[in-house]
Amino acid sequence: MDNVKSKVVVITGASSGIGEATAKLLAENGAKIVLAARREDRLQTIAQEIEQNGGEAVYLPTDVASRDDMQKLAQFALQQYGRIDVLVNNAGIMPASSLHELKVDDWDQMIDVNIKGVLYGIAAVLPTMREQQSGHIINISSVAGYHVSPTSAVYSATKFAVRAISDGLRQEESPTSGIRSTIVSPGLTDSELVHTISNPEIKAFASQLYNSMAISPYSIARAIAFAINEPDDVGVNEIVVRPTALA
């Protein structure tokens, strides 16, 4: 993966699941990884594992719902490596519930993490990438960003928003500054996302489904690596990855 090697890649939600798998896969292929999440102990462990396998990684505890934290993350990456080549906006939560339950606090959290977190990430790295006249922003959406199911209205809305933001970014930046924009939309994937569901019945049903059908987070990591590894004049704009058995 020649176009992955030596790139500085910032990954949010890097303490588990897709973020962890992506960090490890890209590090194995020579990328310099900046890990970001709220759980410092997990970040430290993952960074150590990457280094033990011959890779390079640093970390900074980060709350994506904080604009200040995301600005500090970008500055940290620049202080460590002098540039930012890729941002993977991966952090997300899914406290699904029916609208009539009026779990407004959960709605606010999803908007803060899933939408504002993505926007804060873009705001933090875009000036640097524009100055470089290069860069790649990868936003993790979901199959829920294409199809709404009962109990997923707000979560789906946030993931539809991620797709809109990503495509707007592509149209504005790719032709002028060379910044690539990619949406990766996973289906059922083995991660901690199911643990964020707040309704006990929905959580039990989803857990059973995940346990029987979820694909490896490395499947998503490979899709991300593919998009990065394509030549800089190629924009891989949208990838959907889901279990074969699901319609």
Protein backbone atom coordinates (compact mmCIF):
# COMPACT_ATOMS: atom_id res chain seq x y z
CA MET A 1 0.00 0.00 0.00
CA ASP A 2 2.36 2.66 -1.28
CA ASN A 3 -0.08 5.55 -0.89
CA VAL A 4 -0.76 4.66 2.75
CA LYS A 5 2.88 4.49 3.79
CA SER A 6 4.13 7.48 5.82
CA LYS A 7 0.76 9.28 5.76
CA VAL A 8 -0.29 10.94 9.00
CA VAL A 9 -3.74 9.61 9.85
CA VAL A 10 -5.92 11.00 12.66
CA ILE A 11 -8.65 8.59 13.81
CA THR A 12 -11.48 9.44 16.21
CA GLY A 13 -13.33 6.74 18.11
CA ALA A 14 -10.04 4.85 18.03
CA SER A 15 -10.37 3.04 21.34
CA SER A 16 -12.30 0.04 19.97
CA GLY A 17 -14.13 -1.46 17.00
CA ILE A 18 -13.69 0.12 13.59
CA GLY A 19 -11.36 2.83 14.86
CA GLU A 20 -9.01 0.38 16.56
CA ALA A 21 -9.00 -2.00 13.58
CA THR A 22 -8.33 0.86 11.15
CA ALA A 23 -5.47 2.20 13.27
CA LYS A 24 -3.79 -1.19 13.46
CA LEU A 25 -4.24 -2.01 9.76
CA LEU A 26 -2.96 1.36 8.56
CA ALA A 27 -0.02 1.24 10.98
CA GLU A 28 0.92 -2.19 9.64
CA ASN A 29 1.11 -0.56 6.23
CA GLY A 30 3.38 2.25 7.33
CA ALA A 31 1.00 5.07 8.27
CA LYS A 32 1.70 7.28 11.27
CA ILE A 33 -1.35 7.10 13.49
CA VAL A 34 -2.84 9.71 15.82
CA LEU A 35 -5.37 7.95 18.06
CA ALA A 36 -8.25 9.92 19.58
CA ALA A 37 -11.05 8.85 21.92
CA ARG A 38 -12.20 9.53 25.46
CA ARG A 39 -10.71 6.41 27.10
CA GLU A 40 -7.03 7.16 27.65
CA ASP A 41 -6.24 3.69 29.01
CA ARG A 42 -7.49 2.05 25.81
CA LEU A 43 -5.63 4.52 23.61
CA GLN A 44 -2.41 3.85 25.50
CA THR A 45 -2.83 0.09 25.14
CA ILE A 46 -3.54 0.32 21.39
CA ALA A 47 -0.59 2.65 20.81
CA GLN A 48 1.68 0.22 22.63
CA GLU A 49 0.37 -2.72 20.58
CA ILE A 50 0.99 -0.81 17.36
CA GLU A 51 4.54 0.06 18.42
CA GLN A 52 5.26 -3.52 19.50
CA ASN A 53 4.31 -4.60 15.97
CA GLY A 54 6.73 -2.13 14.42
CA GLY A 55 4.27 0.68 13.76
CA GLU A 56 4.11 4.28 14.91
CA ALA A 57 1.29 5.81 16.95
CA VAL A 58 0.61 8.62 19.38
CA TYR A 59 -2.63 9.41 21.19
CA LEU A 60 -4.61 12.21 22.77
CA PRO A 61 -7.77 11.81 24.88
CA THR A 62 -10.45 13.64 22.92
CA ASP A 63 -14.18 14.29 23.11
CA VAL A 64 -15.37 14.84 19.54
CA ALA A 65 -18.39 16.77 20.82
CA SER A 66 -15.99 19.46 22.05
CA ARG A 67 -14.77 21.87 19.39
CA ASP A 68 -11.84 22.83 21.62
CA ASP A 69 -10.81 19.18 21.97
CA MET A 70 -10.87 18.68 18.21
CA GLN A 71 -8.80 21.80 17.63
CA LYS A 72 -6.29 20.55 20.21
CA LEU A 73 -6.21 17.18 18.45
CA ALA A 74 -5.31 18.78 15.13
CA GLN A 75 -2.61 20.89 16.79
CA PHE A 76 -1.26 17.80 18.53
CA ALA A 77 -0.99 15.95 15.21
CA LEU A 78 0.83 18.91 13.66
CA GLN A 79 3.21 19.18 16.60
CA GLN A 80 4.00 15.47 16.37
CA TYR A 81 4.31 15.08 12.61
CA GLY A 82 4.09 18.49 10.93
CA ARG A 83 1.15 17.61 8.68
CA ILE A 84 -2.24 15.88 8.58
CA ASP A 85 -2.89 13.69 5.55
CA VAL A 86 -6.06 11.84 6.57
CA LEU A 87 -8.83 12.35 9.12
CA VAL A 88 -11.10 9.39 9.83
CA ASN A 89 -14.22 10.77 11.54
CA ASN A 90 -15.25 7.47 13.10
CA ALA A 91 -16.68 8.29 16.54
CA GLY A 92 -20.41 7.67 16.81
CA ILE A 93 -23.20 6.57 19.15
CA MET A 94 -26.58 4.91 18.57
CA PRO A 95 -28.95 5.20 21.56
CA ALA A 96 -31.92 4.05 19.47
CA SER A 97 -35.46 4.44 20.77
CA SER A 98 -38.95 5.17 19.51
CA LEU A 99 -39.74 8.85 19.10
CA HIS A 100 -42.71 8.64 21.49
CA GLU A 101 -40.29 7.76 24.31
CA LEU A 102 -39.11 11.38 24.06
CA LYS A 103 -35.50 10.59 24.93
CA VAL A 104 -34.49 14.10 23.99
CA ASP A 105 -31.16 13.89 25.83
CA ASP A 106 -30.24 10.90 23.67
CA TRP A 107 -31.24 12.84 20.55
CA ASP A 108 -29.00 15.71 21.65
CA GLN A 109 -26.10 13.33 22.26
CA MET A 110 -26.42 11.78 18.81
CA ILE A 111 -26.48 15.20 17.19
CA ASP A 112 -23.47 16.33 19.25
CA VAL A 113 -21.33 13.26 18.52
CA ASN A 114 -22.53 12.05 15.11
CA ILE A 115 -23.02 15.42 13.38
CA LYS A 116 -21.20 18.11 15.34
CA GLY A 117 -18.28 15.75 15.96
CA VAL A 118 -17.86 15.28 12.21
CA LEU A 119 -18.13 19.03 11.57
CA TYR A 120 -15.69 19.85 14.36
CA GLY A 121 -13.25 17.34 12.88
CA ILE A 122 -13.53 18.92 9.44
CA ALA A 123 -13.14 22.42 10.92
CA ALA A 124 -10.02 21.32 12.80
CA VAL A 125 -8.13 19.88 9.81
CA LEU A 126 -9.47 21.80 6.81
CA PRO A 127 -7.22 24.89 7.11
CA THR A 128 -4.12 22.65 7.22
CA MET A 129 -5.26 20.51 4.31
CA ARG A 130 -6.11 23.58 2.24
CA GLU A 131 -2.67 25.00 2.92
CA GLN A 132 -1.10 21.66 1.95
CA GLN A 133 -3.35 21.49 -1.13
CA SER A 134 -3.90 17.86 -0.24
CA GLY A 135 -5.68 15.70 2.30
CA HIS A 136 -8.38 13.12 2.74
CA ILE A 137 -11.40 13.25 5.06
CA ILE A 138 -13.18 9.95 5.61
CA ASN A 139 -16.53 10.12 7.39
CA ILE A 140 -18.12 6.96 8.78
CA SER A 141 -21.83 6.97 8.03
CA SER A 142 -24.00 3.82 8.18
CA VAL A 143 -26.48 1.81 6.14
CA ALA A 144 -28.93 3.66 8.41
CA GLY A 145 -27.96 6.73 6.43
CA TYR A 146 -29.75 5.24 3.43
CA HIS A 147 -32.74 3.58 5.07
CA VAL A 148 -34.83 4.51 8.12
CA SER A 149 -36.23 1.80 10.39
CA PRO A 150 -38.56 2.07 13.38
CA THR A 151 -36.53 3.34 16.37
CA SER A 152 -33.71 4.62 14.12
CA ALA A 153 -35.25 7.96 13.09
CA VAL A 154 -32.80 10.24 14.87
CA TYR A 155 -29.76 8.01 14.39
CA SER A 156 -30.59 7.70 10.69
CA ALA A 157 -31.05 11.46 10.48
CA THR A 158 -27.53 11.98 11.82
CA LYS A 159 -26.09 9.52 9.32
CA PHE A 160 -28.03 11.07 6.42
CA ALA A 161 -26.45 14.34 7.57
CA VAL A 162 -22.96 12.82 7.48
CA ARG A 163 -23.53 11.82 3.85
CA ALA A 164 -24.73 15.32 2.96
CA ILE A 165 -21.77 16.96 4.68
CA SER A 166 -19.33 14.59 2.98
CA ASP A 167 -20.71 15.19 -0.48
CA GLY A 168 -20.77 18.94 0.05
CA LEU A 169 -17.15 18.77 1.18
CA ARG A 170 -16.25 16.83 -1.97
CA GLN A 171 -17.92 19.34 -4.26
CA GLU A 172 -16.36 22.34 -2.56
CA GLU A 173 -12.82 21.11 -1.98
CA SER A 174 -11.82 18.29 -4.33
CA PRO A 175 -11.75 20.39 -7.54
CA THR A 176 -9.88 23.33 -5.96
CA SER A 177 -7.67 22.08 -3.09
CA GLY A 178 -7.34 18.41 -4.00
CA ILE A 179 -8.87 17.28 -0.72
CA ARG A 180 -10.58 13.92 -1.11
CA SER A 181 -13.84 13.07 0.65
CA THR A 182 -15.02 9.52 1.30
CA ILE A 183 -18.15 8.19 3.01
CA VAL A 184 -17.85 4.66 4.40
CA SER A 185 -21.20 3.18 5.46
CA PRO A 186 -21.01 -0.03 7.50
CA GLY A 187 -23.83 -2.44 8.07
CA LEU A 188 -23.85 -4.69 11.14
CA THR A 189 -20.27 -4.62 12.36
CA ASP A 190 -18.73 -6.08 15.50
CA SER A 191 -18.20 -2.98 17.64
CA GLU A 192 -19.36 -1.32 20.83
CA LEU A 193 -22.05 0.67 18.99
CA VAL A 194 -24.79 -1.70 20.09
CA HIS A 195 -23.89 -1.01 23.73
CA THR A 196 -24.96 2.62 23.29
CA ILE A 197 -28.61 1.66 22.61
CA SER A 198 -30.70 3.00 25.47
CA ASN A 199 -33.97 1.05 25.06
CA PRO A 200 -33.53 -2.39 26.76
CA GLU A 201 -35.80 -4.28 24.34
CA ILE A 202 -34.18 -2.77 21.27
CA LYS A 203 -30.75 -3.42 22.75
CA ALA A 204 -31.55 -7.10 23.38
CA PHE A 205 -32.86 -7.57 19.84
CA ALA A 206 -29.92 -5.75 18.29
CA SER A 207 -27.41 -7.67 20.40
CA GLN A 208 -28.85 -10.97 19.20
CA LEU A 209 -28.66 -9.78 15.59
CA TYR A 210 -25.09 -8.50 16.02
CA ASN A 211 -23.99 -11.73 17.68
CA SER A 212 -25.27 -13.82 14.79
CA MET A 213 -24.45 -11.65 11.76
CA ALA A 214 -21.97 -8.86 12.51
CA ILE A 215 -18.92 -8.66 10.27
CA SER A 216 -15.39 -7.96 11.47
CA PRO A 217 -14.36 -4.32 11.95
CA TYR A 218 -11.33 -5.19 9.82
CA SER A 219 -13.72 -5.43 6.86
CA ILE A 220 -14.46 -1.74 7.32
CA ALA A 221 -10.79 -0.99 7.99
CA ARG A 222 -9.86 -2.59 4.66
CA ALA A 223 -12.43 -0.40 2.87
CA ILE A 224 -10.90 2.68 4.50
CA ALA A 225 -7.39 1.55 3.57
CA PHE A 226 -8.52 0.98 -0.03
CA ALA A 227 -9.86 4.53 -0.31
CA ILE A 228 -6.66 6.02 1.10
CA ASN A 229 -4.40 3.87 -1.03
CA GLU A 230 -5.91 4.90 -4.36
CA PRO A 231 -3.78 7.49 -6.21
CA ASP A 232 -4.31 11.07 -5.08
CA ASP A 233 -6.09 11.91 -8.34
CA VAL A 234 -8.72 9.23 -7.63
CA GLY A 235 -11.61 10.00 -5.29
CA VAL A 236 -13.34 6.99 -3.79
CA ASN A 237 -16.44 8.87 -2.73
CA GLU A 238 -18.76 6.25 -1.23
CA ILE A 239 -18.42 2.67 0.04
CA VAL A 240 -21.16 0.51 1.60
CA VAL A 241 -20.04 -2.63 3.46
CA ARG A 242 -22.63 -4.97 4.96
CA PRO A 243 -23.04 -8.64 5.87
CA THR A 244 -23.67 -10.77 2.77
CA ALA A 245 -26.69 -12.41 4.41
CA LEU A 246 -28.58 -9.14 4.94
CA ALA A 247 -30.89 -7.78 2.24
